[in-house]
């Protein structure tokens, strides 16, 4: 199911539930009592709403930064493979061929196996790490190699290692249980205060509450999806890695 269809169903369901609850409040609640508390309730609603907006804004911003960091990590990893491929020219012919073959095999495993696993929220298998260990061993510069060539080899394998570590770390990160408690409890409290208003026009009150519930649910759904930087909502694809593999294949 598309993430947009899934989100629309969740938001629509929440709005229907909110409308039913408000109709029950209309049916069994005392309008005069709720209307008499409008001033106090309005002040509380404003305070809670502002605090909740700050928290949600902070979470969404942090999660979106993680998406950018994941994109940068994948690009660093891909660039490291390309750099390592060219730096291998300074090695003996057999070692250079081994490094280039391992680099291409590693990139293929990341693109075809690890990336779909991260997108589905599953742990990656050991194949990528095993190939990377072999690649790092094969790319060790010999003692008689010049400083510039040795530096290029070390920088290339360092970029791959660092990019991979950051990519896998971001793929495993998600919001803590405490943060989810704050987000959900804050949303429920904000919506609950909207039910306590006494609005003469019931249709207007219904539209206001349903709109508020839809907005809060949308924000919570965005927080849920953005905690997975390689998930379907971010459209983060292995574009840099695919370009790197194409270059490696063309120059082999």
Protein backbone atom coordinates (compact mmCIF):
# COMPACT_ATOMS: atom_id res chain seq x y z
CA UNK A 1 0.00 0.00 0.00
CA UNK A 2 1.28 3.46 -0.86
CA UNK A 3 2.46 5.55 2.06
CA UNK A 4 0.08 8.30 0.93
CA UNK A 5 -2.93 5.99 0.83
CA UNK A 6 -1.96 4.53 4.19
CA UNK A 7 -1.62 8.01 5.68
CA UNK A 8 -4.92 9.17 4.20
CA UNK A 9 -6.72 6.16 5.72
CA UNK A 10 -5.23 6.77 9.16
CA UNK A 11 -5.98 10.50 9.09
CA UNK A 12 -9.48 9.91 7.75
CA UNK A 13 -10.18 7.30 10.44
CA UNK A 14 -8.97 9.65 13.17
CA UNK A 15 -11.22 12.43 11.84
CA UNK A 16 -14.25 10.13 11.82
CA UNK A 17 -13.59 9.07 15.42
CA UNK A 18 -13.13 12.70 16.44
CA UNK A 19 -16.43 13.66 14.81
CA UNK A 20 -18.29 10.83 16.57
CA UNK A 21 -16.86 11.83 19.95
CA UNK A 22 -17.86 15.46 19.42
CA UNK A 23 -21.39 14.44 18.46
CA UNK A 24 -21.58 12.50 21.73
CA UNK A 25 -20.41 15.61 23.56
CA UNK A 26 -23.17 17.58 21.85
CA UNK A 27 -25.68 14.93 22.83
CA UNK A 28 -24.78 14.41 26.47
CA UNK A 29 -22.73 17.48 27.44
CA UNK A 30 -24.10 20.75 28.82
CA UNK A 31 -23.49 23.50 26.31
CA UNK A 32 -23.99 26.33 28.83
CA UNK A 33 -21.32 24.97 31.18
CA UNK A 34 -18.82 24.53 28.37
CA UNK A 35 -19.58 28.00 27.03
CA UNK A 36 -18.97 29.58 30.45
CA UNK A 37 -15.43 28.17 30.48
CA UNK A 38 -14.47 29.46 27.04
CA UNK A 39 -12.15 32.20 28.33
CA UNK A 40 -10.16 29.95 30.67
CA UNK A 41 -10.17 27.06 28.22
CA UNK A 42 -9.02 29.35 25.42
CA UNK A 43 -5.99 30.42 27.46
CA UNK A 44 -5.09 26.82 28.30
CA UNK A 45 -5.61 25.76 24.69
CA UNK A 46 -3.26 28.49 23.47
CA UNK A 47 -0.51 27.54 25.96
CA UNK A 48 -0.72 23.80 25.33
CA UNK A 49 -1.02 24.30 21.58
CA UNK A 50 2.09 26.47 21.38
CA UNK A 51 4.15 24.08 23.52
CA UNK A 52 3.00 21.12 21.45
CA UNK A 53 3.77 22.91 18.19
CA UNK A 54 7.32 23.63 19.42
CA UNK A 55 7.91 19.98 20.36
CA UNK A 56 6.50 18.63 17.09
CA UNK A 57 8.46 21.19 15.07
CA UNK A 58 11.66 20.18 16.83
CA UNK A 59 11.05 16.47 16.19
CA UNK A 60 10.14 16.91 12.51
CA UNK A 61 13.18 19.15 11.93
CA UNK A 62 15.53 16.67 13.63
CA UNK A 63 14.10 13.76 11.68
CA UNK A 64 14.38 15.62 8.39
CA UNK A 65 18.01 16.44 9.18
CA UNK A 66 18.59 12.72 9.66
CA UNK A 67 17.26 12.13 6.16
CA UNK A 68 19.78 14.63 4.83
CA UNK A 69 22.55 13.02 6.86
CA UNK A 70 21.60 9.61 5.45
CA UNK A 71 21.79 11.00 1.92
CA UNK A 72 25.22 12.50 2.65
CA UNK A 73 26.45 9.23 4.19
CA UNK A 74 25.39 7.24 1.14
CA UNK A 75 27.09 9.77 -1.14
CA UNK A 76 30.29 9.61 0.92
CA UNK A 77 30.28 5.82 0.71
CA UNK A 78 29.78 5.88 -3.06
CA UNK A 79 32.48 8.53 -3.56
CA UNK A 80 34.85 6.47 -1.42
CA UNK A 81 34.38 3.48 -3.71
CA UNK A 82 35.18 5.61 -6.77
CA UNK A 83 38.21 7.13 -5.08
CA UNK A 84 39.43 3.69 -4.05
CA UNK A 85 38.93 2.41 -7.58
CA UNK A 86 41.20 5.08 -9.06
CA UNK A 87 43.72 4.96 -6.23
CA UNK A 88 44.18 1.23 -6.81
CA UNK A 89 46.18 2.10 -9.95
CA UNK A 90 49.18 2.67 -7.68
CA UNK A 91 49.09 -0.96 -6.51
CA UNK A 92 50.57 -3.96 -8.29
CA UNK A 93 48.34 -5.20 -11.11
CA UNK A 94 46.96 -8.21 -9.26
CA UNK A 95 46.21 -6.20 -6.11
CA UNK A 96 44.62 -3.40 -8.15
CA UNK A 97 42.34 -5.86 -9.93
CA UNK A 98 41.36 -7.41 -6.59
CA UNK A 99 40.54 -4.01 -5.05
CA UNK A 100 38.42 -2.96 -8.03
CA UNK A 101 36.55 -6.25 -8.13
CA UNK A 102 35.82 -6.15 -4.40
CA UNK A 103 34.73 -2.50 -4.61
CA UNK A 104 32.25 -3.32 -7.35
CA UNK A 105 30.95 -6.40 -5.53
CA UNK A 106 30.55 -4.44 -2.31
CA UNK A 107 28.64 -1.63 -4.00
CA UNK A 108 26.36 -4.15 -5.69
CA UNK A 109 25.57 -5.86 -2.38
CA UNK A 110 24.78 -2.51 -0.75
CA UNK A 111 22.50 -1.45 -3.59
CA UNK A 112 20.71 -4.76 -4.22
CA UNK A 113 20.59 -6.31 -0.73
CA UNK A 114 21.24 -3.80 2.04
CA UNK A 115 19.22 -0.91 0.62
CA UNK A 116 15.95 -2.89 0.26
CA UNK A 117 16.49 -4.28 3.77
CA UNK A 118 16.90 -0.78 5.21
CA UNK A 119 13.84 0.44 3.30
CA UNK A 120 11.81 -2.37 4.87
CA UNK A 121 13.20 -1.71 8.36
CA UNK A 122 15.07 -5.03 8.48
CA UNK A 123 18.69 -5.52 9.60
CA UNK A 124 21.22 -5.86 6.82
CA UNK A 125 22.96 -9.17 6.30
CA UNK A 126 26.66 -9.90 6.90
CA UNK A 127 27.62 -10.03 3.21
CA UNK A 128 28.39 -6.32 2.92
CA UNK A 129 30.56 -6.18 6.02
CA UNK A 130 32.43 -9.30 4.96
CA UNK A 131 33.22 -7.81 1.55
CA UNK A 132 34.25 -4.53 3.13
CA UNK A 133 36.69 -6.32 5.42
CA UNK A 134 38.23 -8.02 2.40
CA UNK A 135 38.34 -4.71 0.54
CA UNK A 136 40.05 -2.92 3.43
CA UNK A 137 42.65 -5.68 3.67
CA UNK A 138 43.32 -5.68 -0.08
CA UNK A 139 43.62 -1.87 -0.18
CA UNK A 140 46.33 -1.68 2.49
CA UNK A 141 49.14 0.34 0.89
CA UNK A 142 52.51 -1.41 0.74
CA UNK A 143 55.44 0.14 2.53
CA UNK A 144 57.23 1.26 -0.63
CA UNK A 145 54.25 3.24 -1.92
CA UNK A 146 54.50 7.01 -2.10
CA UNK A 147 52.79 9.17 0.51
CA UNK A 148 50.29 10.62 -1.97
CA UNK A 149 49.21 7.26 -3.35
CA UNK A 150 49.05 5.71 0.11
CA UNK A 151 46.99 8.67 1.32
CA UNK A 152 44.52 8.25 -1.53
CA UNK A 153 44.04 4.57 -0.72
CA UNK A 154 43.60 5.25 2.99
CA UNK A 155 41.21 8.14 2.32
CA UNK A 156 39.12 6.01 -0.03
CA UNK A 157 38.68 3.12 2.36
CA UNK A 158 38.11 5.62 5.20
CA UNK A 159 35.26 7.28 3.29
CA UNK A 160 33.64 3.91 2.62
CA UNK A 161 33.97 2.83 6.26
CA UNK A 162 32.68 6.12 7.66
CA UNK A 163 29.82 6.37 5.17
CA UNK A 164 28.74 2.81 5.85
CA UNK A 165 28.84 3.24 9.62
CA UNK A 166 26.78 6.42 9.51
CA UNK A 167 24.31 4.93 7.03
CA UNK A 168 23.67 1.86 9.17
CA UNK A 169 23.46 3.94 12.36
CA UNK A 170 20.82 6.22 10.86
CA UNK A 171 18.91 3.23 9.49
CA UNK A 172 18.64 1.80 13.02
CA UNK A 173 17.69 5.06 14.72
CA UNK A 174 14.10 5.81 15.67
CA UNK A 175 12.22 7.92 18.18
CA UNK A 176 12.42 6.75 21.76
CA UNK A 177 9.39 5.53 23.67
CA UNK A 178 9.49 8.61 25.88
CA UNK A 179 9.41 10.93 22.88
CA UNK A 180 6.45 9.05 21.42
CA UNK A 181 4.68 9.35 24.77
CA UNK A 182 5.23 13.12 24.72
CA UNK A 183 4.00 13.42 21.13
CA UNK A 184 0.89 11.29 21.59
CA UNK A 185 -0.03 12.62 25.03
CA UNK A 186 0.49 16.21 23.89
CA UNK A 187 -1.70 15.63 20.85
CA UNK A 188 -4.46 14.02 22.91
CA UNK A 189 -4.38 16.86 25.44
CA UNK A 190 -4.50 19.51 22.72
CA UNK A 191 -7.46 17.84 21.04
CA UNK A 192 -9.25 17.23 24.34
CA UNK A 193 -9.19 20.93 25.16
CA UNK A 194 -10.91 21.65 21.83
CA UNK A 195 -13.88 19.54 22.97
CA UNK A 196 -14.38 21.74 26.04
CA UNK A 197 -15.32 24.84 24.08
CA UNK A 198 -18.95 25.87 23.93
CA UNK A 199 -19.47 27.11 20.36
CA UNK A 200 -23.00 28.22 19.39
CA UNK A 201 -22.56 26.98 15.83
CA UNK A 202 -22.15 23.22 16.14
CA UNK A 203 -21.17 22.76 12.51
CA UNK A 204 -18.34 25.26 12.91
CA UNK A 205 -17.22 23.51 16.10
CA UNK A 206 -17.26 20.16 14.30
CA UNK A 207 -15.17 21.53 11.43
CA UNK A 208 -12.67 23.05 13.87
CA UNK A 209 -12.22 19.85 15.88
CA UNK A 210 -11.97 17.59 12.83
CA UNK A 211 -9.42 19.94 11.25
CA UNK A 212 -7.36 19.97 14.44
CA UNK A 213 -7.44 16.18 14.76
CA UNK A 214 -6.50 15.79 11.10
CA UNK A 215 -3.55 18.15 11.52
CA UNK A 216 -2.27 16.46 14.70
CA UNK A 217 -2.63 13.00 13.14
CA UNK A 218 -0.83 14.18 10.00
CA UNK A 219 2.09 15.48 12.07
CA UNK A 220 2.30 12.27 14.10
CA UNK A 221 2.24 10.22 10.91
CA UNK A 222 5.01 12.39 9.45
CA UNK A 223 7.10 11.84 12.60
CA UNK A 224 6.54 8.10 12.30
CA UNK A 225 7.57 7.96 8.65
CA UNK A 226 10.55 10.31 8.92
CA UNK A 227 12.15 8.25 11.68
CA UNK A 228 13.06 5.78 8.89
CA UNK A 229 15.33 7.81 6.56
CA UNK A 230 15.49 4.97 4.03
CA UNK A 231 11.76 4.23 4.19
CA UNK A 232 9.22 4.79 1.41
CA UNK A 233 8.18 8.24 2.62
CA UNK A 234 11.57 9.89 2.05
CA UNK A 235 12.15 8.59 -1.50
CA UNK A 236 15.84 8.17 -0.66
CA UNK A 237 17.27 6.01 -3.43
CA UNK A 238 20.82 4.67 -4.01
CA UNK A 239 21.33 7.10 -6.89
CA UNK A 240 24.93 7.98 -6.00
CA UNK A 241 25.82 4.33 -5.52
CA UNK A 242 24.27 3.37 -8.85
CA UNK A 243 26.26 6.11 -10.59
CA UNK A 244 29.43 4.95 -8.87
CA UNK A 245 28.85 1.34 -9.91
CA UNK A 246 28.24 2.44 -13.49
CA UNK A 247 31.54 4.33 -13.46
CA UNK A 248 33.39 1.42 -11.90
CA UNK A 249 31.97 -0.99 -14.45
CA UNK A 250 32.81 1.26 -17.39
CA UNK A 251 36.43 1.76 -16.33
CA UNK A 252 37.21 -1.84 -15.38
